[in-house]
Amino acid sequence: MKDDVLNELRGKADEALEALRSALTRIRTGRANLSILDNIRVEYYGAKSPLNQVATLAVADPRLITIKPFDKSLTSEIEKVLRSASDLGISPQNDGEKILLPIPPLTEERRKEFTKIAKGKGEEAKVSVRNARREANEMLKSLEKDGDLPEDDSKKAQGEVQKITDEFVGKIDDIVTKKEKEIMEV
């Protein structure tokens, strides 16, 4: 029973870590990264399709993304969608065959803003891990109260819960610190 509680805690902490990684990939740095286009959807045959399903996406160099639609008639639609995606802050250039997305360098103010966003996402992940810790401790206390787990084992398990929590909070801090360095890199 104790192992089930610890495994559940690890599972929830892993989910929080993956959610953080996913959220941080969407934060733009000064480099070309295809993940900034993950949320872009294009109207194609009456349905909103993800950009990567209607075009070939490539990073041509550290500051340029190229988008080559499978169907050339989509080029203007893709360009229109990219222009309206205000959170990107990128102006697409259409050369008739493909769309070029030059990634402009970030201003110091924008870098600091993105760093704050990254820290906020890290805090959200830590809160998730701490909530999972609280739930695990409550389950252990409930098992102890019901007589299914001796008091010594319960205390030992609560110590393990804290170790797991500390381990994941450390991982979250490392990931956020790495992203901050990436954002602040000129």
C-alpha atoms as a PDB file:
ATOM      1  CA  MET A   1       0.000   0.000   0.000  1.00  0.00           C
ATOM      2  CA  LYS A   2       2.802   2.387   0.926  1.00  0.00           C
ATOM      3  CA  ASP A   3       4.490   1.658  -2.415  1.00  0.00           C
ATOM      4  CA  ASP A   4       1.254   2.477  -4.276  1.00  0.00           C
ATOM      5  CA  VAL A   5       1.142   5.893  -2.584  1.00  0.00           C
ATOM      6  CA  LEU A   6       4.796   6.589  -3.474  1.00  0.00           C
ATOM      7  CA  ASN A   7       4.308   5.420  -7.077  1.00  0.00           C
ATOM      8  CA  GLU A   8       1.258   7.653  -7.447  1.00  0.00           C
ATOM      9  CA  LEU A   9       3.274  10.597  -6.100  1.00  0.00           C
ATOM     10  CA  ARG A  10       6.060   9.923  -8.621  1.00  0.00           C
ATOM     11  CA  GLY A  11       3.498   9.687 -11.431  1.00  0.00           C
ATOM     12  CA  LYS A  12       1.903  13.022 -10.555  1.00  0.00           C
ATOM     13  CA  ALA A  13       5.311  14.681 -10.151  1.00  0.00           C
ATOM     14  CA  ASP A  14       6.385  13.333 -13.558  1.00  0.00           C
ATOM     15  CA  GLU A  15       3.210  14.775 -15.095  1.00  0.00           C
ATOM     16  CA  ALA A  16       3.999  18.169 -13.574  1.00  0.00           C
ATOM     17  CA  LEU A  17       7.544  17.984 -14.983  1.00  0.00           C
ATOM     18  CA  GLU A  18       6.290  17.103 -18.474  1.00  0.00           C
ATOM     19  CA  ALA A  19       3.701  19.893 -18.384  1.00  0.00           C
ATOM     20  CA  LEU A  20       6.482  22.323 -17.427  1.00  0.00           C
ATOM     21  CA  ARG A  21       8.732  21.152 -20.270  1.00  0.00           C
ATOM     22  CA  SER A  22       5.869  21.497 -22.726  1.00  0.00           C
ATOM     23  CA  ALA A  23       5.000  25.002 -21.495  1.00  0.00           C
ATOM     24  CA  LEU A  24       8.617  26.159 -21.629  1.00  0.00           C
ATOM     25  CA  THR A  25       9.108  25.021 -25.238  1.00  0.00           C
ATOM     26  CA  ARG A  26       6.433  27.520 -26.266  1.00  0.00           C
ATOM     27  CA  ILE A  27       8.356  30.441 -24.760  1.00  0.00           C
ATOM     28  CA  ARG A  28      10.312  32.107 -27.536  1.00  0.00           C
ATOM     29  CA  THR A  29      14.040  32.581 -27.195  1.00  0.00           C
ATOM     30  CA  GLY A  30      16.248  34.429 -29.658  1.00  0.00           C
ATOM     31  CA  ARG A  31      16.681  31.211 -31.653  1.00  0.00           C
ATOM     32  CA  ALA A  32      14.497  29.470 -34.194  1.00  0.00           C
ATOM     33  CA  ASN A  33      12.503  26.685 -32.574  1.00  0.00           C
ATOM     34  CA  LEU A  34       9.672  24.824 -34.316  1.00  0.00           C
ATOM     35  CA  SER A  35       7.757  24.352 -31.058  1.00  0.00           C
ATOM     36  CA  ILE A  36       6.661  28.014 -31.163  1.00  0.00           C
ATOM     37  CA  LEU A  37       4.411  26.982 -34.074  1.00  0.00           C
ATOM     38  CA  ASP A  38       2.727  24.089 -32.214  1.00  0.00           C
ATOM     39  CA  ASN A  39      -0.481  26.018 -31.511  1.00  0.00           C
ATOM     40  CA  ILE A  40      -0.869  27.402 -35.045  1.00  0.00           C
ATOM     41  CA  ARG A  41      -3.872  25.978 -36.904  1.00  0.00           C
ATOM     42  CA  VAL A  42      -4.703  26.576 -40.573  1.00  0.00           C
ATOM     43  CA  GLU A  43      -8.075  26.283 -42.327  1.00  0.00           C
ATOM     44  CA  TYR A  44      -7.725  23.362 -44.764  1.00  0.00           C
ATOM     45  CA  TYR A  45     -10.730  21.791 -46.511  1.00  0.00           C
ATOM     46  CA  GLY A  46     -13.099  23.201 -43.904  1.00  0.00           C
ATOM     47  CA  ALA A  47     -11.156  21.977 -40.869  1.00  0.00           C
ATOM     48  CA  LYS A  48      -8.572  23.618 -38.644  1.00  0.00           C
ATOM     49  CA  SER A  49      -5.385  21.585 -39.124  1.00  0.00           C
ATOM     50  CA  PRO A  50      -2.086  21.897 -37.232  1.00  0.00           C
ATOM     51  CA  LEU A  51       0.535  23.697 -39.293  1.00  0.00           C
ATOM     52  CA  ASN A  52       2.916  20.722 -39.223  1.00  0.00           C
ATOM     53  CA  GLN A  53       0.237  18.566 -40.938  1.00  0.00           C
ATOM     54  CA  VAL A  54      -0.190  20.870 -43.936  1.00  0.00           C
ATOM     55  CA  ALA A  55       3.416  21.974 -44.453  1.00  0.00           C
ATOM     56  CA  THR A  56       7.036  20.957 -44.007  1.00  0.00           C
ATOM     57  CA  LEU A  57       8.618  22.939 -41.196  1.00  0.00           C
ATOM     58  CA  ALA A  58      12.389  23.346 -40.958  1.00  0.00           C
ATOM     59  CA  VAL A  59      14.969  25.410 -39.107  1.00  0.00           C
ATOM     60  CA  ALA A  60      17.184  26.724 -41.915  1.00  0.00           C
ATOM     61  CA  ASP A  61      19.615  28.469 -39.539  1.00  0.00           C
ATOM     62  CA  PRO A  62      19.492  29.647 -35.896  1.00  0.00           C
ATOM     63  CA  ARG A  63      17.366  32.673 -36.798  1.00  0.00           C
ATOM     64  CA  LEU A  64      15.160  31.365 -39.634  1.00  0.00           C
ATOM     65  CA  ILE A  65      12.259  28.924 -39.894  1.00  0.00           C
ATOM     66  CA  THR A  66      11.034  27.830 -43.332  1.00  0.00           C
ATOM     67  CA  ILE A  67       7.491  26.623 -43.993  1.00  0.00           C
ATOM     68  CA  LYS A  68       6.798  24.832 -47.267  1.00  0.00           C
ATOM     69  CA  PRO A  69       3.089  23.988 -47.729  1.00  0.00           C
ATOM     70  CA  PHE A  70       2.203  20.646 -49.300  1.00  0.00           C
ATOM     71  CA  ASP A  71      -0.491  22.467 -51.275  1.00  0.00           C
ATOM     72  CA  LYS A  72       0.728  25.771 -52.765  1.00  0.00           C
ATOM     73  CA  SER A  73      -2.758  27.270 -52.551  1.00  0.00           C
ATOM     74  CA  LEU A  74      -2.328  27.240 -48.758  1.00  0.00           C
ATOM     75  CA  THR A  75       0.648  29.614 -48.798  1.00  0.00           C
ATOM     76  CA  SER A  76      -1.408  32.809 -48.440  1.00  0.00           C
ATOM     77  CA  GLU A  77      -3.670  31.237 -45.769  1.00  0.00           C
ATOM     78  CA  ILE A  78      -0.644  30.172 -43.706  1.00  0.00           C
ATOM     79  CA  GLU A  79       0.899  33.626 -44.064  1.00  0.00           C
ATOM     80  CA  LYS A  80      -2.370  35.259 -42.935  1.00  0.00           C
ATOM     81  CA  VAL A  81      -2.604  32.985 -39.859  1.00  0.00           C
ATOM     82  CA  LEU A  82       1.027  33.674 -38.922  1.00  0.00           C
ATOM     83  CA  ARG A  83       0.515  37.437 -39.184  1.00  0.00           C
ATOM     84  CA  SER A  84      -2.539  37.260 -36.910  1.00  0.00           C
ATOM     85  CA  ALA A  85      -0.672  35.173 -34.291  1.00  0.00           C
ATOM     86  CA  SER A  86       0.281  38.261 -32.303  1.00  0.00           C
ATOM     87  CA  ASP A  87       2.012  36.360 -29.494  1.00  0.00           C
ATOM     88  CA  LEU A  88       4.733  35.272 -31.935  1.00  0.00           C
ATOM     89  CA  GLY A  89       5.879  38.778 -32.778  1.00  0.00           C
ATOM     90  CA  ILE A  90       7.248  37.545 -36.118  1.00  0.00           C
ATOM     91  CA  SER A  91       6.545  38.872 -39.618  1.00  0.00           C
ATOM     92  CA  PRO A  92       6.351  36.092 -42.222  1.00  0.00           C
ATOM     93  CA  GLN A  93       7.851  36.620 -45.684  1.00  0.00           C
ATOM     94  CA  ASN A  94       6.278  34.831 -48.640  1.00  0.00           C
ATOM     95  CA  ASP A  95       8.535  34.042 -51.604  1.00  0.00           C
ATOM     96  CA  GLY A  96       5.786  32.314 -53.609  1.00  0.00           C
ATOM     97  CA  GLU A  97       6.923  28.767 -52.864  1.00  0.00           C
ATOM     98  CA  LYS A  98       7.610  28.851 -49.153  1.00  0.00           C
ATOM     99  CA  ILE A  99       7.205  31.136 -46.177  1.00  0.00           C
ATOM    100  CA  LEU A 100      10.228  32.410 -44.300  1.00  0.00           C
ATOM    101  CA  LEU A 101       9.965  33.291 -40.625  1.00  0.00           C
ATOM    102  CA  PRO A 102      12.997  35.337 -39.595  1.00  0.00           C
ATOM    103  CA  ILE A 103      13.340  35.238 -35.807  1.00  0.00           C
ATOM    104  CA  PRO A 104      14.267  38.739 -34.624  1.00  0.00           C
ATOM    105  CA  PRO A 105      16.595  39.035 -31.640  1.00  0.00           C
ATOM    106  CA  LEU A 106      14.767  39.718 -28.394  1.00  0.00           C
ATOM    107  CA  THR A 107      15.056  43.073 -26.676  1.00  0.00           C
ATOM    108  CA  GLU A 108      16.310  43.133 -23.087  1.00  0.00           C
ATOM    109  CA  GLU A 109      12.822  44.030 -21.871  1.00  0.00           C
ATOM    110  CA  ARG A 110      11.255  41.106 -23.766  1.00  0.00           C
ATOM    111  CA  ARG A 111      13.908  38.709 -22.407  1.00  0.00           C
ATOM    112  CA  LYS A 112      13.101  39.745 -18.838  1.00  0.00           C
ATOM    113  CA  GLU A 113       9.385  39.350 -19.539  1.00  0.00           C
ATOM    114  CA  PHE A 114       9.911  35.815 -20.905  1.00  0.00           C
ATOM    115  CA  THR A 115      12.124  34.968 -17.906  1.00  0.00           C
ATOM    116  CA  LYS A 116       9.292  35.978 -15.559  1.00  0.00           C
ATOM    117  CA  ILE A 117       6.889  33.782 -17.527  1.00  0.00           C
ATOM    118  CA  ALA A 118       9.312  30.844 -17.262  1.00  0.00           C
ATOM    119  CA  LYS A 119       9.632  31.350 -13.494  1.00  0.00           C
ATOM    120  CA  GLY A 120       5.841  31.455 -13.212  1.00  0.00           C
ATOM    121  CA  LYS A 121       5.523  28.158 -15.076  1.00  0.00           C
ATOM    122  CA  GLY A 122       8.148  26.683 -12.736  1.00  0.00           C
ATOM    123  CA  GLU A 123       6.167  27.833  -9.698  1.00  0.00           C
ATOM    124  CA  GLU A 124       3.010  26.233 -11.118  1.00  0.00           C
ATOM    125  CA  ALA A 125       4.883  22.938 -11.496  1.00  0.00           C
ATOM    126  CA  LYS A 126       6.202  23.176  -7.924  1.00  0.00           C
ATOM    127  CA  VAL A 127       2.677  23.786  -6.619  1.00  0.00           C
ATOM    128  CA  SER A 128       1.501  20.654  -8.468  1.00  0.00           C
ATOM    129  CA  VAL A 129       4.287  18.593  -6.907  1.00  0.00           C
ATOM    130  CA  ARG A 130       3.528  19.994  -3.445  1.00  0.00           C
ATOM    131  CA  ASN A 131      -0.172  19.218  -3.869  1.00  0.00           C
ATOM    132  CA  ALA A 132       0.760  15.643  -4.799  1.00  0.00           C
ATOM    133  CA  ARG A 133       2.954  15.511  -1.652  1.00  0.00           C
ATOM    134  CA  ARG A 134       0.059  16.702   0.509  1.00  0.00           C
ATOM    135  CA  GLU A 135      -2.263  14.051  -1.005  1.00  0.00           C
ATOM    136  CA  ALA A 136       0.346  11.319  -0.474  1.00  0.00           C
ATOM    137  CA  ASN A 137       0.853  12.320   3.169  1.00  0.00           C
ATOM    138  CA  GLU A 138      -2.910  12.364   3.732  1.00  0.00           C
ATOM    139  CA  MET A 139      -3.216   8.863   2.250  1.00  0.00           C
ATOM    140  CA  LEU A 140      -0.386   7.588   4.459  1.00  0.00           C
ATOM    141  CA  LYS A 141      -2.003   9.097   7.574  1.00  0.00           C
ATOM    142  CA  SER A 142      -5.329   7.570   6.582  1.00  0.00           C
ATOM    143  CA  LEU A 143      -3.683   4.136   6.180  1.00  0.00           C
ATOM    144  CA  GLU A 144      -2.042   4.564   9.588  1.00  0.00           C
ATOM    145  CA  LYS A 145      -5.349   5.619  11.177  1.00  0.00           C
ATOM    146  CA  ASP A 146      -7.160   2.616   9.667  1.00  0.00           C
ATOM    147  CA  GLY A 147      -4.481   0.314  11.065  1.00  0.00           C
ATOM    148  CA  ASP A 148      -3.246  -0.793   7.630  1.00  0.00           C
ATOM    149  CA  LEU A 149       0.185   0.778   8.153  1.00  0.00           C
ATOM    150  CA  PRO A 150       2.252   0.804  11.372  1.00  0.00           C
ATOM    151  CA  GLU A 151       3.200   4.247  12.722  1.00  0.00           C
ATOM    152  CA  ASP A 152       6.943   3.678  12.146  1.00  0.00           C
ATOM    153  CA  ASP A 153       6.370   2.725   8.502  1.00  0.00           C
ATOM    154  CA  SER A 154       4.088   5.711   8.040  1.00  0.00           C
ATOM    155  CA  LYS A 155       6.745   8.122   9.364  1.00  0.00           C
ATOM    156  CA  LYS A 156       9.400   6.474   7.180  1.00  0.00           C
ATOM    157  CA  ALA A 157       7.126   6.698   4.127  1.00  0.00           C
ATOM    158  CA  GLN A 158       6.421  10.382   4.833  1.00  0.00           C
ATOM    159  CA  GLY A 159      10.183  10.943   4.864  1.00  0.00           C
ATOM    160  CA  GLU A 160      10.401   9.227   1.449  1.00  0.00           C
ATOM    161  CA  VAL A 161       7.553  11.422   0.202  1.00  0.00           C
ATOM    162  CA  GLN A 162       9.558  14.503   1.205  1.00  0.00           C
ATOM    163  CA  LYS A 163      12.697  13.148  -0.524  1.00  0.00           C
ATOM    164  CA  ILE A 164      10.742  12.555  -3.735  1.00  0.00           C
ATOM    165  CA  THR A 165       9.238  16.054  -3.500  1.00  0.00           C
ATOM    166  CA  ASP A 166      12.673  17.628  -2.980  1.00  0.00           C
ATOM    167  CA  GLU A 167      14.070  15.650  -5.930  1.00  0.00           C
ATOM    168  CA  PHE A 168      11.346  16.892  -8.294  1.00  0.00           C
ATOM    169  CA  VAL A 169      11.486  20.490  -7.033  1.00  0.00           C
ATOM    170  CA  GLY A 170      15.248  20.371  -7.740  1.00  0.00           C
ATOM    171  CA  LYS A 171      14.591  19.086 -11.264  1.00  0.00           C
ATOM    172  CA  ILE A 172      12.054  21.872 -11.838  1.00  0.00           C
ATOM    173  CA  ASP A 173      14.563  24.493 -10.651  1.00  0.00           C
ATOM    174  CA  ASP A 174      17.218  23.059 -13.005  1.00  0.00           C
ATOM    175  CA  ILE A 175      14.869  23.120 -16.000  1.00  0.00           C
ATOM    176  CA  VAL A 176      13.739  26.706 -15.304  1.00  0.00           C
ATOM    177  CA  THR A 177      17.326  27.902 -14.745  1.00  0.00           C
ATOM    178  CA  LYS A 178      18.398  26.325 -18.047  1.00  0.00           C
ATOM    179  CA  LYS A 179      15.491  28.007 -19.875  1.00  0.00           C
ATOM    180  CA  GLU A 180      16.318  31.380 -18.279  1.00  0.00           C
ATOM    181  CA  LYS A 181      19.920  31.110 -19.494  1.00  0.00           C
ATOM    182  CA  GLU A 182      18.643  30.223 -22.968  1.00  0.00           C
ATOM    183  CA  ILE A 183      16.317  33.251 -22.966  1.00  0.00           C
ATOM    184  CA  MET A 184      18.949  35.682 -21.687  1.00  0.00           C
ATOM    185  CA  GLU A 185      21.589  34.449 -24.161  1.00  0.00           C
ATOM    186  CA  VAL A 186      22.255  37.113 -26.786  1.00  0.00           C
END
